[in-house]
Amino acid sequence: ILPPALRPMWEQILEGVQRPASEAARSVVFAATDPSLETGLVIGPD
């Protein structure tokens, strides 16, 4: 699934996708609900 240049990072990528989906959902829910946000932003994983 990776471009050849990224394949040496395969093990690191596998480690990353062990993160719980419930934790990853937080940024989406934050963007959906936080009243302080102004339109047009991209909200990162943190």
All heavy atoms as atom14 arrays in JSON, in Angstrom:
{
  "sequence": "ILPPALRPMWEQILEGVQRPASEAARSVVFAATDPSLETGLVIGPD",
  "atom14_mask": [
    [1, 1, 1, 1, 1, 1, 1, 1, 0, 0, 0, 0, 0, 0],
    [1, 1, 1, 1, 1, 1, 1, 1, 0, 0, 0, 0, 0, 0],
    [1, 1, 1, 1, 1, 1, 1, 0, 0, 0, 0, 0, 0, 0],
    [1, 1, 1, 1, 1, 1, 1, 0, 0, 0, 0, 0, 0, 0],
    [1, 1, 1, 1, 1, 0, 0, 0, 0, 0, 0, 0, 0, 0],
    [1, 1, 1, 1, 1, 1, 1, 1, 0, 0, 0, 0, 0, 0],
    [1, 1, 1, 1, 1, 1, 1, 1, 1, 1, 1, 0, 0, 0],
    [1, 1, 1, 1, 1, 1, 1, 0, 0, 0, 0, 0, 0, 0],
    [1, 1, 1, 1, 1, 1, 1, 1, 0, 0, 0, 0, 0, 0],
    [1, 1, 1, 1, 1, 1, 1, 1, 1, 1, 1, 1, 1, 1],
    [1, 1, 1, 1, 1, 1, 1, 1, 1, 0, 0, 0, 0, 0],
    [1, 1, 1, 1, 1, 1, 1, 1, 1, 0, 0, 0, 0, 0],
    [1, 1, 1, 1, 1, 1, 1, 1, 0, 0, 0, 0, 0, 0],
    [1, 1, 1, 1, 1, 1, 1, 1, 0, 0, 0, 0, 0, 0],
    [1, 1, 1, 1, 1, 1, 1, 1, 1, 0, 0, 0, 0, 0],
    [1, 1, 1, 1, 0, 0, 0, 0, 0, 0, 0, 0, 0, 0],
    [1, 1, 1, 1, 1, 1, 1, 0, 0, 0, 0, 0, 0, 0],
    [1, 1, 1, 1, 1, 1, 1, 1, 1, 0, 0, 0, 0, 0],
    [1, 1, 1, 1, 1, 1, 1, 1, 1, 1, 1, 0, 0, 0],
    [1, 1, 1, 1, 1, 1, 1, 0, 0, 0, 0, 0, 0, 0],
    [1, 1, 1, 1, 1, 0, 0, 0, 0, 0, 0, 0, 0, 0],
    [1, 1, 1, 1, 1, 1, 0, 0, 0, 0, 0, 0, 0, 0],
    [1, 1, 1, 1, 1, 1, 1, 1, 1, 0, 0, 0, 0, 0],
    [1, 1, 1, 1, 1, 0, 0, 0, 0, 0, 0, 0, 0, 0],
    [1, 1, 1, 1, 1, 0, 0, 0, 0, 0, 0, 0, 0, 0],
    [1, 1, 1, 1, 1, 1, 1, 1, 1, 1, 1, 0, 0, 0],
    [1, 1, 1, 1, 1, 1, 0, 0, 0, 0, 0, 0, 0, 0],
    [1, 1, 1, 1, 1, 1, 1, 0, 0, 0, 0, 0, 0, 0],
    [1, 1, 1, 1, 1, 1, 1, 0, 0, 0, 0, 0, 0, 0],
    [1, 1, 1, 1, 1, 1, 1, 1, 1, 1, 1, 0, 0, 0],
    [1, 1, 1, 1, 1, 0, 0, 0, 0, 0, 0, 0, 0, 0],
    [1, 1, 1, 1, 1, 0, 0, 0, 0, 0, 0, 0, 0, 0],
    [1, 1, 1, 1, 1, 1, 1, 0, 0, 0, 0, 0, 0, 0],
    [1, 1, 1, 1, 1, 1, 1, 1, 0, 0, 0, 0, 0, 0],
    [1, 1, 1, 1, 1, 1, 1, 0, 0, 0, 0, 0, 0, 0],
    [1, 1, 1, 1, 1, 1, 0, 0, 0, 0, 0, 0, 0, 0],
    [1, 1, 1, 1, 1, 1, 1, 1, 0, 0, 0, 0, 0, 0],
    [1, 1, 1, 1, 1, 1, 1, 1, 1, 0, 0, 0, 0, 0],
    [1, 1, 1, 1, 1, 1, 1, 0, 0, 0, 0, 0, 0, 0],
    [1, 1, 1, 1, 0, 0, 0, 0, 0, 0, 0, 0, 0, 0],
    [1, 1, 1, 1, 1, 1, 1, 1, 0, 0, 0, 0, 0, 0],
    [1, 1, 1, 1, 1, 1, 1, 0, 0, 0, 0, 0, 0, 0],
    [1, 1, 1, 1, 1, 1, 1, 1, 0, 0, 0, 0, 0, 0],
    [1, 1, 1, 1, 0, 0, 0, 0, 0, 0, 0, 0, 0, 0],
    [1, 1, 1, 1, 1, 1, 1, 0, 0, 0, 0, 0, 0, 0],
    [1, 1, 1, 1, 1, 1, 1, 1, 0, 0, 0, 0, 0, 0]
  ],
  "atom14_positions": [
    [[0.82, -1.21, 0.0], [0.0, 0.0, 0.0], [0.86, 1.26, 0.0], [0.39, 2.35, -0.35], [-0.96, -0.01, 1.22], [-2.2, 0.85, 0.94], [-0.28, 0.45, 2.5], [-3.32, 0.65, 1.95], [0.0, 0.0, 0.0], [0.0, 0.0, 0.0], [0.0, 0.0, 0.0], [0.0, 0.0, 0.0], [0.0, 0.0, 0.0], [0.0, 0.0, 0.0]],
    [[2.13, 1.11, 0.36], [3.03, 2.26, 0.5], [3.81, 2.52, -0.78], [4.25, 1.57, -1.45], [4.03, 2.02, 1.63], [3.46, 1.81, 3.03], [4.6, 1.45, 3.99], [2.73, 3.04, 3.51], [0.0, 0.0, 0.0], [0.0, 0.0, 0.0], [0.0, 0.0, 0.0], [0.0, 0.0, 0.0], [0.0, 0.0, 0.0], [0.0, 0.0, 0.0]],
    [[4.08, 3.78, -1.11], [5.07, 4.07, -2.14], [6.42, 3.49, -1.72], [6.71, 3.41, -0.52], [5.11, 5.61, -2.18], [3.84, 6.05, -1.55], [3.49, 5.01, -0.54], [0.0, 0.0, 0.0], [0.0, 0.0, 0.0], [0.0, 0.0, 0.0], [0.0, 0.0, 0.0], [0.0, 0.0, 0.0], [0.0, 0.0, 0.0], [0.0, 0.0, 0.0]],
    [[7.25, 3.08, -2.66], [8.52, 2.44, -2.31], [9.37, 3.21, -1.31], [10.0, 2.61, -0.43], [9.22, 2.3, -3.66], [8.09, 2.16, -4.64], [7.01, 3.06, -4.11], [0.0, 0.0, 0.0], [0.0, 0.0, 0.0], [0.0, 0.0, 0.0], [0.0, 0.0, 0.0], [0.0, 0.0, 0.0], [0.0, 0.0, 0.0], [0.0, 0.0, 0.0]],
    [[9.36, 4.55, -1.4], [10.19, 5.34, -0.5], [9.77, 5.23, 0.96], [10.57, 5.49, 1.87], [10.17, 6.81, -0.94], [0.0, 0.0, 0.0], [0.0, 0.0, 0.0], [0.0, 0.0, 0.0], [0.0, 0.0, 0.0], [0.0, 0.0, 0.0], [0.0, 0.0, 0.0], [0.0, 0.0, 0.0], [0.0, 0.0, 0.0], [0.0, 0.0, 0.0]],
    [[8.51, 4.85, 1.19], [8.0, 4.76, 2.55], [8.04, 3.34, 3.12], [7.77, 3.15, 4.31], [6.57, 5.29, 2.61], [6.36, 6.77, 2.28], [4.89, 7.15, 2.43], [7.22, 7.66, 3.17], [0.0, 0.0, 0.0], [0.0, 0.0, 0.0], [0.0, 0.0, 0.0], [0.0, 0.0, 0.0], [0.0, 0.0, 0.0], [0.0, 0.0, 0.0]],
    [[8.35, 2.36, 2.32], [8.28, 0.97, 2.8], [9.24, 0.65, 3.94], [8.92, -0.2, 4.78], [8.43, 0.01, 1.63], [7.18, 0.04, 0.75], [7.22, -0.91, -0.43], [6.06, -0.65, -1.28], [5.86, -1.2, -2.45], [6.75, -2.07, -2.93], [4.79, -0.91, -3.16], [0.0, 0.0, 0.0], [0.0, 0.0, 0.0], [0.0, 0.0, 0.0]],
    [[10.41, 1.3, 4.03], [11.25, 1.07, 5.21], [10.58, 1.48, 6.52], [11.02, 1.08, 7.6], [12.49, 1.93, 4.93], [12.55, 2.03, 3.45], [11.12, 2.1, 3.0], [0.0, 0.0, 0.0], [0.0, 0.0, 0.0], [0.0, 0.0, 0.0], [0.0, 0.0, 0.0], [0.0, 0.0, 0.0], [0.0, 0.0, 0.0], [0.0, 0.0, 0.0]],
    [[9.5, 2.27, 6.45], [8.79, 2.73, 7.64], [7.61, 1.82, 8.01], [6.82, 2.16, 8.87], [8.28, 4.16, 7.42], [9.35, 5.17, 7.11], [8.66, 6.78, 6.7], [7.79, 7.19, 8.22], [0.0, 0.0, 0.0], [0.0, 0.0, 0.0], [0.0, 0.0, 0.0], [0.0, 0.0, 0.0], [0.0, 0.0, 0.0], [0.0, 0.0, 0.0]],
    [[7.51, 0.66, 7.37], [6.34, -0.2, 7.54], [6.1, -0.56, 9.0], [4.97, -0.47, 9.5], [6.49, -1.45, 6.7], [5.41, -2.47, 6.88], [5.53, -3.73, 7.36], [4.01, -2.31, 6.59], [4.32, -4.38, 7.38], [3.36, -3.52, 6.91], [3.25, -1.26, 6.08], [1.99, -3.7, 6.75], [1.88, -1.45, 5.93], [1.27, -2.64, 6.25]],
    [[7.13, -0.97, 9.73], [6.96, -1.35, 11.13], [6.5, -0.17, 11.97], [5.66, -0.31, 12.87], [8.25, -1.94, 11.69], [8.67, -3.25, 11.05], [7.62, -4.34, 11.24], [6.97, -4.37, 12.3], [7.45, -5.16, 10.31], [0.0, 0.0, 0.0], [0.0, 0.0, 0.0], [0.0, 0.0, 0.0], [0.0, 0.0, 0.0], [0.0, 0.0, 0.0]],
    [[7.03, 1.0, 11.7], [6.62, 2.2, 12.42], [5.15, 2.53, 12.14], [4.39, 2.91, 13.05], [7.49, 3.38, 12.0], [7.17, 4.69, 12.7], [8.08, 5.81, 12.23], [9.16, 5.58, 11.67], [7.63, 7.05, 12.42], [0.0, 0.0, 0.0], [0.0, 0.0, 0.0], [0.0, 0.0, 0.0], [0.0, 0.0, 0.0], [0.0, 0.0, 0.0]],
    [[4.73, 2.35, 10.9], [3.34, 2.59, 10.54], [2.43, 1.6, 11.25], [1.36, 1.96, 11.77], [3.17, 2.53, 9.01], [3.83, 3.74, 8.37], [1.68, 2.46, 8.63], [3.96, 3.66, 6.87], [0.0, 0.0, 0.0], [0.0, 0.0, 0.0], [0.0, 0.0, 0.0], [0.0, 0.0, 0.0], [0.0, 0.0, 0.0], [0.0, 0.0, 0.0]],
    [[2.84, 0.34, 11.31], [2.05, -0.67, 12.02], [1.89, -0.32, 13.5], [0.83, -0.54, 14.09], [2.69, -2.05, 11.87], [2.55, -2.74, 10.52], [3.17, -4.12, 10.58], [1.08, -2.83, 10.1], [0.0, 0.0, 0.0], [0.0, 0.0, 0.0], [0.0, 0.0, 0.0], [0.0, 0.0, 0.0], [0.0, 0.0, 0.0], [0.0, 0.0, 0.0]],
    [[2.94, 0.21, 14.09], [2.84, 0.64, 15.5], [1.82, 1.75, 15.65], [1.04, 1.79, 16.6], [4.21, 1.09, 16.01], [5.22, -0.02, 16.18], [6.56, 0.5, 16.66], [6.63, 1.68, 17.09], [7.54, -0.27, 16.61], [0.0, 0.0, 0.0], [0.0, 0.0, 0.0], [0.0, 0.0, 0.0], [0.0, 0.0, 0.0], [0.0, 0.0, 0.0]],
    [[1.8, 2.68, 14.69], [0.88, 3.81, 14.77], [-0.57, 3.4, 14.72], [-1.42, 4.01, 15.4], [0.0, 0.0, 0.0], [0.0, 0.0, 0.0], [0.0, 0.0, 0.0], [0.0, 0.0, 0.0], [0.0, 0.0, 0.0], [0.0, 0.0, 0.0], [0.0, 0.0, 0.0], [0.0, 0.0, 0.0], [0.0, 0.0, 0.0], [0.0, 0.0, 0.0]],
    [[-0.87, 2.36, 13.95], [-2.28, 1.98, 13.8], [-2.74, 1.06, 14.93], [-3.8, 0.43, 14.82], [-2.56, 1.33, 12.42], [-2.31, 2.34, 11.32], [-1.74, 0.07, 12.21], [0.0, 0.0, 0.0], [0.0, 0.0, 0.0], [0.0, 0.0, 0.0], [0.0, 0.0, 0.0], [0.0, 0.0, 0.0], [0.0, 0.0, 0.0], [0.0, 0.0, 0.0]],
    [[-2.0, 1.01, 16.02], [-2.48, 0.33, 17.23], [-3.24, 1.3, 18.14], [-3.84, 0.9, 19.12], [-1.3, -0.27, 18.01], [-0.46, -1.24, 17.22], [-1.28, -2.34, 16.57], [-2.05, -3.03, 17.25], [-1.11, -2.53, 15.27], [0.0, 0.0, 0.0], [0.0, 0.0, 0.0], [0.0, 0.0, 0.0], [0.0, 0.0, 0.0], [0.0, 0.0, 0.0]],
    [[-3.24, 2.58, 17.8], [-3.9, 3.6, 18.6], [-5.41, 3.38, 18.58], [-6.0, 3.19, 17.52], [-3.55, 4.98, 18.03], [-4.14, 6.18, 18.74], [-3.44, 7.42, 18.21], [-4.11, 8.65, 18.57], [-4.78, 9.42, 17.72], [-4.87, 9.07, 16.43], [-5.37, 10.53, 18.12], [0.0, 0.0, 0.0], [0.0, 0.0, 0.0], [0.0, 0.0, 0.0]],
    [[-6.08, 3.44, 19.74], [-7.53, 3.18, 19.78], [-8.32, 4.17, 18.92], [-8.05, 5.38, 18.93], [-7.88, 3.34, 21.26], [-6.6, 3.11, 21.99], [-5.52, 3.65, 21.09], [0.0, 0.0, 0.0], [0.0, 0.0, 0.0], [0.0, 0.0, 0.0], [0.0, 0.0, 0.0], [0.0, 0.0, 0.0], [0.0, 0.0, 0.0], [0.0, 0.0, 0.0]],
    [[-9.31, 3.66, 18.22], [-10.17, 4.52, 17.41], [-10.91, 5.53, 18.27], [-11.2, 6.64, 17.82], [-11.15, 3.68, 16.61], [0.0, 0.0, 0.0], [0.0, 0.0, 0.0], [0.0, 0.0, 0.0], [0.0, 0.0, 0.0], [0.0, 0.0, 0.0], [0.0, 0.0, 0.0], [0.0, 0.0, 0.0], [0.0, 0.0, 0.0], [0.0, 0.0, 0.0]],
    [[-11.22, 5.17, 19.51], [-11.91, 6.1, 20.4], [-11.07, 7.34, 20.68], [-11.6, 8.45, 20.82], [-12.26, 5.4, 21.72], [-11.1, 4.89, 22.34], [0.0, 0.0, 0.0], [0.0, 0.0, 0.0], [0.0, 0.0, 0.0], [0.0, 0.0, 0.0], [0.0, 0.0, 0.0], [0.0, 0.0, 0.0], [0.0, 0.0, 0.0], [0.0, 0.0, 0.0]],
    [[-9.75, 7.16, 20.72], [-8.85, 8.3, 20.91], [-8.75, 9.14, 19.64], [-8.78, 10.37, 19.68], [-7.47, 7.8, 21.33], [-6.45, 8.89, 21.59], [-5.1, 8.34, 22.01], [-5.09, 7.33, 22.74], [-4.08, 8.91, 21.61], [0.0, 0.0, 0.0], [0.0, 0.0, 0.0], [0.0, 0.0, 0.0], [0.0, 0.0, 0.0], [0.0, 0.0, 0.0]],
    [[-8.65, 8.47, 18.5], [-8.55, 9.18, 17.22], [-9.81, 9.98, 16.93], [-9.74, 11.03, 16.27], [-8.29, 8.17, 16.11], [0.0, 0.0, 0.0], [0.0, 0.0, 0.0], [0.0, 0.0, 0.0], [0.0, 0.0, 0.0], [0.0, 0.0, 0.0], [0.0, 0.0, 0.0], [0.0, 0.0, 0.0], [0.0, 0.0, 0.0], [0.0, 0.0, 0.0]],
    [[-10.94, 9.53, 17.43], [-12.21, 10.22, 17.16], [-12.28, 11.6, 17.82], [-13.1, 12.44, 17.42], [-13.38, 9.37, 17.65], [0.0, 0.0, 0.0], [0.0, 0.0, 0.0], [0.0, 0.0, 0.0], [0.0, 0.0, 0.0], [0.0, 0.0, 0.0], [0.0, 0.0, 0.0], [0.0, 0.0, 0.0], [0.0, 0.0, 0.0], [0.0, 0.0, 0.0]],
    [[-11.43, 11.83, 18.79], [-11.55, 13.08, 19.56], [-11.39, 14.33, 18.71], [-12.09, 15.33, 18.92], [-10.53, 13.08, 20.7], [-10.82, 12.04, 21.78], [-9.71, 11.98, 22.8], [-9.89, 10.88, 23.74], [-8.96, 10.43, 24.57], [-7.76, 11.0, 24.57], [-9.22, 9.42, 25.38], [0.0, 0.0, 0.0], [0.0, 0.0, 0.0], [0.0, 0.0, 0.0]],
    [[-10.46, 14.3, 17.76], [-10.26, 15.51, 16.95], [-11.47, 15.8, 16.08], [-11.81, 16.96, 15.84], [-9.01, 15.36, 16.08], [-9.16, 14.31, 15.14], [0.0, 0.0, 0.0], [0.0, 0.0, 0.0], [0.0, 0.0, 0.0], [0.0, 0.0, 0.0], [0.0, 0.0, 0.0], [0.0, 0.0, 0.0], [0.0, 0.0, 0.0], [0.0, 0.0, 0.0]],
    [[-12.13, 14.74, 15.6], [-13.31, 14.92, 14.77], [-14.46, 15.48, 15.61], [-15.16, 16.41, 15.19], [-13.72, 13.59, 14.12], [-14.92, 13.79, 13.2], [-12.55, 12.98, 13.35], [0.0, 0.0, 0.0], [0.0, 0.0, 0.0], [0.0, 0.0, 0.0], [0.0, 0.0, 0.0], [0.0, 0.0, 0.0], [0.0, 0.0, 0.0], [0.0, 0.0, 0.0]],
    [[-14.64, 14.93, 16.79], [-15.71, 15.4, 17.68], [-15.43, 16.83, 18.14], [-16.34, 17.65, 18.24], [-15.86, 14.45, 18.88], [-16.87, 14.99, 19.89], [-16.28, 13.06, 18.39], [0.0, 0.0, 0.0], [0.0, 0.0, 0.0], [0.0, 0.0, 0.0], [0.0, 0.0, 0.0], [0.0, 0.0, 0.0], [0.0, 0.0, 0.0], [0.0, 0.0, 0.0]],
    [[-14.16, 17.13, 18.38], [-13.79, 18.49, 18.76], [-14.16, 19.48, 17.65], [-14.77, 20.52, 17.9], [-12.29, 18.54, 19.04], [-11.77, 19.9, 19.42], [-11.96, 20.4, 20.7], [-11.07, 20.67, 18.51], [-11.48, 21.65, 21.06], [-10.58, 21.92, 18.86], [-10.78, 22.42, 20.14], [0.0, 0.0, 0.0], [0.0, 0.0, 0.0], [0.0, 0.0, 0.0]],
    [[-13.81, 19.14, 16.4], [-14.16, 20.0, 15.28], [-15.67, 20.14, 15.13], [-16.18, 21.19, 14.73], [-13.56, 19.46, 13.99], [0.0, 0.0, 0.0], [0.0, 0.0, 0.0], [0.0, 0.0, 0.0], [0.0, 0.0, 0.0], [0.0, 0.0, 0.0], [0.0, 0.0, 0.0], [0.0, 0.0, 0.0], [0.0, 0.0, 0.0], [0.0, 0.0, 0.0]],
    [[-16.39, 19.1, 15.49], [-17.85, 19.09, 15.33], [-18.58, 19.87, 16.41], [-19.73, 20.28, 16.2], [-18.36, 17.64, 15.32], [0.0, 0.0, 0.0], [0.0, 0.0, 0.0], [0.0, 0.0, 0.0], [0.0, 0.0, 0.0], [0.0, 0.0, 0.0], [0.0, 0.0, 0.0], [0.0, 0.0, 0.0], [0.0, 0.0, 0.0], [0.0, 0.0, 0.0]],
    [[-17.94, 20.1, 17.55], [-18.68, 20.61, 18.71], [-18.09, 21.82, 19.41], [-18.82, 22.52, 20.11], [-18.84, 19.5, 19.76], [-17.55, 19.06, 20.2], [-19.61, 18.3, 19.19], [0.0, 0.0, 0.0], [0.0, 0.0, 0.0], [0.0, 0.0, 0.0], [0.0, 0.0, 0.0], [0.0, 0.0, 0.0], [0.0, 0.0, 0.0], [0.0, 0.0, 0.0]],
    [[-16.79, 22.06, 19.28], [-16.2, 23.13, 20.1], [-16.69, 24.5, 19.64], [-16.53, 24.87, 18.48], [-14.68, 23.08, 20.03], [-14.06, 24.01, 21.05], [-13.9, 25.22, 20.74], [-13.74, 23.57, 22.16], [0.0, 0.0, 0.0], [0.0, 0.0, 0.0], [0.0, 0.0, 0.0], [0.0, 0.0, 0.0], [0.0, 0.0, 0.0], [0.0, 0.0, 0.0]],
    [[-17.28, 25.29, 20.55], [-17.88, 26.57, 20.14], [-16.86, 27.66, 19.84], [-17.22, 28.69, 19.25], [-18.74, 26.94, 21.35], [-18.08, 26.28, 22.52], [-17.54, 24.99, 21.98], [0.0, 0.0, 0.0], [0.0, 0.0, 0.0], [0.0, 0.0, 0.0], [0.0, 0.0, 0.0], [0.0, 0.0, 0.0], [0.0, 0.0, 0.0], [0.0, 0.0, 0.0]],
    [[-15.6, 27.46, 20.22], [-14.6, 28.52, 20.04], [-14.0, 28.55, 18.64], [-13.31, 29.51, 18.29], [-13.47, 28.34, 21.06], [-12.69, 27.19, 20.77], [0.0, 0.0, 0.0], [0.0, 0.0, 0.0], [0.0, 0.0, 0.0], [0.0, 0.0, 0.0], [0.0, 0.0, 0.0], [0.0, 0.0, 0.0], [0.0, 0.0, 0.0], [0.0, 0.0, 0.0]],
    [[-14.24, 27.53, 17.84], [-13.57, 27.41, 16.55], [-14.19, 28.31, 15.5], [-15.4, 28.45, 15.41], [-13.62, 25.96, 16.07], [-12.94, 24.92, 16.96], [-13.12, 23.53, 16.37], [-11.46, 25.24, 17.13], [0.0, 0.0, 0.0], [0.0, 0.0, 0.0], [0.0, 0.0, 0.0], [0.0, 0.0, 0.0], [0.0, 0.0, 0.0], [0.0, 0.0, 0.0]],
    [[-13.31, 28.89, 14.67], [-13.76, 29.7, 13.54], [-13.68, 28.87, 12.27], [-12.77, 28.09, 12.08], [-12.9, 30.96, 13.42], [-13.05, 31.93, 14.59], [-12.36, 33.25, 14.33], [-11.93, 33.48, 13.18], [-12.27, 34.05, 15.26], [0.0, 0.0, 0.0], [0.0, 0.0, 0.0], [0.0, 0.0, 0.0], [0.0, 0.0, 0.0], [0.0, 0.0, 0.0]],
    [[-14.64, 29.07, 11.39], [-14.73, 28.27, 10.18], [-13.44, 28.29, 9.38], [-12.69, 29.26, 9.38], [-15.9, 28.76, 9.31], [-16.11, 27.84, 8.24], [-15.62, 30.14, 8.74], [0.0, 0.0, 0.0], [0.0, 0.0, 0.0], [0.0, 0.0, 0.0], [0.0, 0.0, 0.0], [0.0, 0.0, 0.0], [0.0, 0.0, 0.0], [0.0, 0.0, 0.0]],
    [[-13.18, 27.17, 8.68], [-12.04, 27.1, 7.79], [-10.81, 26.42, 8.35], [-9.82, 26.27, 7.64], [0.0, 0.0, 0.0], [0.0, 0.0, 0.0], [0.0, 0.0, 0.0], [0.0, 0.0, 0.0], [0.0, 0.0, 0.0], [0.0, 0.0, 0.0], [0.0, 0.0, 0.0], [0.0, 0.0, 0.0], [0.0, 0.0, 0.0], [0.0, 0.0, 0.0]],
    [[-10.86, 25.98, 9.59], [-9.68, 25.38, 10.22], [-9.55, 23.9, 9.87], [-10.53, 23.21, 9.61], [-9.76, 25.52, 11.74], [-9.7, 26.94, 12.31], [-9.93, 26.9, 13.82], [-8.36, 27.6, 11.99], [0.0, 0.0, 0.0], [0.0, 0.0, 0.0], [0.0, 0.0, 0.0], [0.0, 0.0, 0.0], [0.0, 0.0, 0.0], [0.0, 0.0, 0.0]],
    [[-8.3, 23.43, 9.89], [-8.01, 22.01, 9.91], [-7.57, 21.68, 11.33], [-6.67, 22.31, 11.88], [-6.88, 21.63, 8.93], [-6.59, 20.14, 9.0], [-7.25, 22.04, 7.5], [0.0, 0.0, 0.0], [0.0, 0.0, 0.0], [0.0, 0.0, 0.0], [0.0, 0.0, 0.0], [0.0, 0.0, 0.0], [0.0, 0.0, 0.0], [0.0, 0.0, 0.0]],
    [[-8.23, 20.7, 11.94], [-7.93, 20.31, 13.31], [-7.05, 19.06, 13.27], [-7.41, 18.05, 12.66], [-9.21, 20.04, 14.11], [-10.11, 21.28, 14.08], [-8.89, 19.64, 15.54], [-9.49, 22.53, 14.66], [0.0, 0.0, 0.0], [0.0, 0.0, 0.0], [0.0, 0.0, 0.0], [0.0, 0.0, 0.0], [0.0, 0.0, 0.0], [0.0, 0.0, 0.0]],
    [[-5.89, 19.12, 13.93], [-4.96, 18.01, 13.94], [-5.32, 16.96, 14.96], [-6.25, 17.12, 15.76], [0.0, 0.0, 0.0], [0.0, 0.0, 0.0], [0.0, 0.0, 0.0], [0.0, 0.0, 0.0], [0.0, 0.0, 0.0], [0.0, 0.0, 0.0], [0.0, 0.0, 0.0], [0.0, 0.0, 0.0], [0.0, 0.0, 0.0], [0.0, 0.0, 0.0]],
    [[-4.57, 15.86, 15.0], [-4.86, 14.76, 15.92], [-4.83, 15.15, 17.4], [-5.45, 14.49, 18.22], [-3.77, 13.73, 15.61], [-3.37, 14.03, 14.2], [-3.48, 15.51, 14.06], [0.0, 0.0, 0.0], [0.0, 0.0, 0.0], [0.0, 0.0, 0.0], [0.0, 0.0, 0.0], [0.0, 0.0, 0.0], [0.0, 0.0, 0.0], [0.0, 0.0, 0.0]],
    [[-4.12, 16.24, 17.71], [-4.06, 16.69, 19.11], [-5.13, 17.72, 19.44], [-5.07, 18.39, 20.48], [-2.68, 17.26, 19.42], [-2.34, 18.49, 18.57], [-3.12, 18.81, 17.62], [-1.31, 19.13, 18.83], [0.0, 0.0, 0.0], [0.0, 0.0, 0.0], [0.0, 0.0, 0.0], [0.0, 0.0, 0.0], [0.0, 0.0, 0.0], [0.0, 0.0, 0.0]]
  ]
}
